Amino acid sequence: MTNTMKRSKLESIKERSNFLRGPIDAELNNDDPFFSKDGIQILKFHGSYQQKDRDLQKAKAKGEAPTYSMMLRTRSPGGIIPWQLYLTLDQLCDRYGNHTLRATTRQGFQMHGILKQDLKTVIADIVKNMGSTVGACGDINRNVMAPPAPFKDRPAYVYAHEYAHKLADLLAPQAGAYYDVWLDGEKAVTAEAPEVTEARNKSGRGKRDTNIANSDEPIYGTHYMPRKFKIAIATPGDNSVDLFTNDLGLVVITDKKHKLLGFNAYVGGGLGRTHNNESTIVRMADPIAFVPLAHVYEFTKAVVAVQRDNGDRFNRRHARLKYLLNDWGVEKFKQVLSEYYPERLEPLKPLPKWQYLDYLGWHEQGDGNYFVGISIENGRILDREGLKLKSALQEIIGEYHLPMHLTPNHNALLCDIKPKDREAIQAILDRNGILAPEQVDPLVRYSMACPAFPTCGLAITESERILPSVTDRLRKLIDRLGLGEEKFITRMTGCPNGCARPYMAEIGFVGSGVDAYQLWLGGNFDSTQLAAPYLKSMPLAELETTLEPLFVYFKQARKPKEGFGSFCARVGFDGLRSFTASYVPQKASKAGKSKDQRRRVTLSTDTYDRLKQAASSRGQSMKQIVETAIAKYLDS
């Protein structure tokens, strides 16, 4: 960063923080239930956001003090959560939080509702139990993602997990503020690979150095990054990490004998944007080069250095790496990159077709053990009537000491399950109401939502709390239209920042006002195609009337095996609007009108609930299942 570069106020806050220590080190010792404005910004680098309960704020009399609490996010490369850490988080959320854990869309956990006075205790316990929160937020490299599957007999997956940890270590802050603030200077035991330490401290070989000389932060310096920086590592064909939404995406490349050769590199993805500001964009990463294994650290540092030295430090809405790619173009980016990275940029290696994989259900790991994938609706781990997910995980992990891998779709895999324990673990899942993959409504299985209200300060409207009811309405609509067996990728956010990646969905709901959402259409099932804004604002009350003509057109004019998002992209929005303008809504038949609907039959609550669950899992209406079952019974 040049001395003449225009800077935002946050750049000055970072500069005078003494490498992320102040002012939070002092403010932890005062009696205020909140951090200062400067403290809030530095707190993010340590993995925490200060929040207010916005439900309570609405109820409070005007003029009363806000109710403050902290959200804490874990740094878990590749989504790997040791069993000791999970049990610690489970206990901490009950003692200090809101009694739930929230799996994130970047393979970490969030804990909400922590009071300022308890924050130091909570972070210290996390660190002492094989966890960390440093770098989970802030202008720094965030959690490094990798495919969640723990395959031991597929080397590409082993390499992806290995380098997720190594790159996370490479780009972790080095000045020691995290341990000074939260553990009183006591450093946790780490197992960083010597090659990572050497690579971090090694000066670059290009015309411009990747490192900052004589700094406590050799990669970041006193100002760190202009904005967040995100990395994901994928294996060929497995796009479970949403590779192209990251600042830097790497794909494992091996030879025929499964030896690691290096990585295909993609740069410049990102999804955050601002309503009514056309200069803010969503963007997929561009292919840049194949990077030999010997140079992967140097290449990674070079990409970070390009963004560090050239990113916009005045307008934070224009500060992500994607704006450099968008403003410069790929060729200029490569030119500037070559000033830091002197190696030739080699052509990318060929790859198979991408596909989305969620790994739900039981799978062999390849080492004689199993893993089981569990669907977590909206990522929220809790106990409620009919579903005791929190209790089930507590029992299983507590008894069998299983590591957990969080997925990029905020689900969880329980790993290293011995064959002799499989039946008992499945029994615990069944007893607590955990559904098998085939029982989960596909609309739930392939959906995501951000937390939004009541904790997120950026939320414009609801997301996590309202998506289940939206899903129920969508289910009724597509069943009525005869599309019950179709799969749809649906994602919802309470604001345009894109945390649940709605801009890659087939149907994306992006909060734009109270009970209103932008409607984005055209992403695909494999997350290789951006959606686009179809409606600037759709009142939630108009959900069915808006989507019905689109679904009908899809049913009538789709190509064989074509998904809804690909269909929307192919026919174009003009085509969708033209069909909608002339569409006559289908009228649902009214009870008593048809000669085939003569009588009603009352069911017990238990039978009705089982019927509803069967209908959702099979993609059929309850009427269809009842008539089929009765016909079989009468004919037997």
Foldseek 3Di string as FASTA:
>chain_A
DDPPADFAPLLVLLLPCLNLQPDVLVVLPDDDQDDDPSNQQSVQQQFKHKWFAQVVVVVDDPPDDTDIAMKGKWQDAQLWFFLQLVLLVQVCLVVAFVNKWFQFLQNIIMTHRGTSNCVLVSQVSNLVRVIGRRQCGHQFEHHEHEAQALAPPQLQRVVQRVVSVLVCVLGTQQLQSNCCRRVVSDDGDDDHDPVSVCLSPDWFPFLDTLFDPPASGGRQHSRRFLGYFYEYEYEFQECLSLQFQGQKYWYFDADPVRHTFFTFIWHQAHFFAAPPDVVADGGTTHGWATDGPVCPSQLVSLSRSCLRVPARNHDSSCGGRNNVCVVVPRVVVNVSSCRRVVDDGHHDDDGDHHAYDQQAAWDDNNPQFIKHKFQDQQLMQDADVLANRSVLSSVCCVVPRFMWGATSQNIIMTDDHHPVCVVVSVVSCVVRNGDGPLLAQLLRRQEHEDQAPPIDPQFQEGTSVCVVVVSVVVLVLCQVVVNLVAHFREYEYRARGCRSPQQQGQWYFHRDHYQKTFTWHQHDRRSPDTTGTLGSIDRNVCVNLLCNQLVNCCVVDPDVPDHSNNVCVVCDSVNSVVSSVPDDDDDDDDAPPDPVRDDDDDDDPVVVVVLVSVCSSNSHDSVVVVVVVVVVVVVD
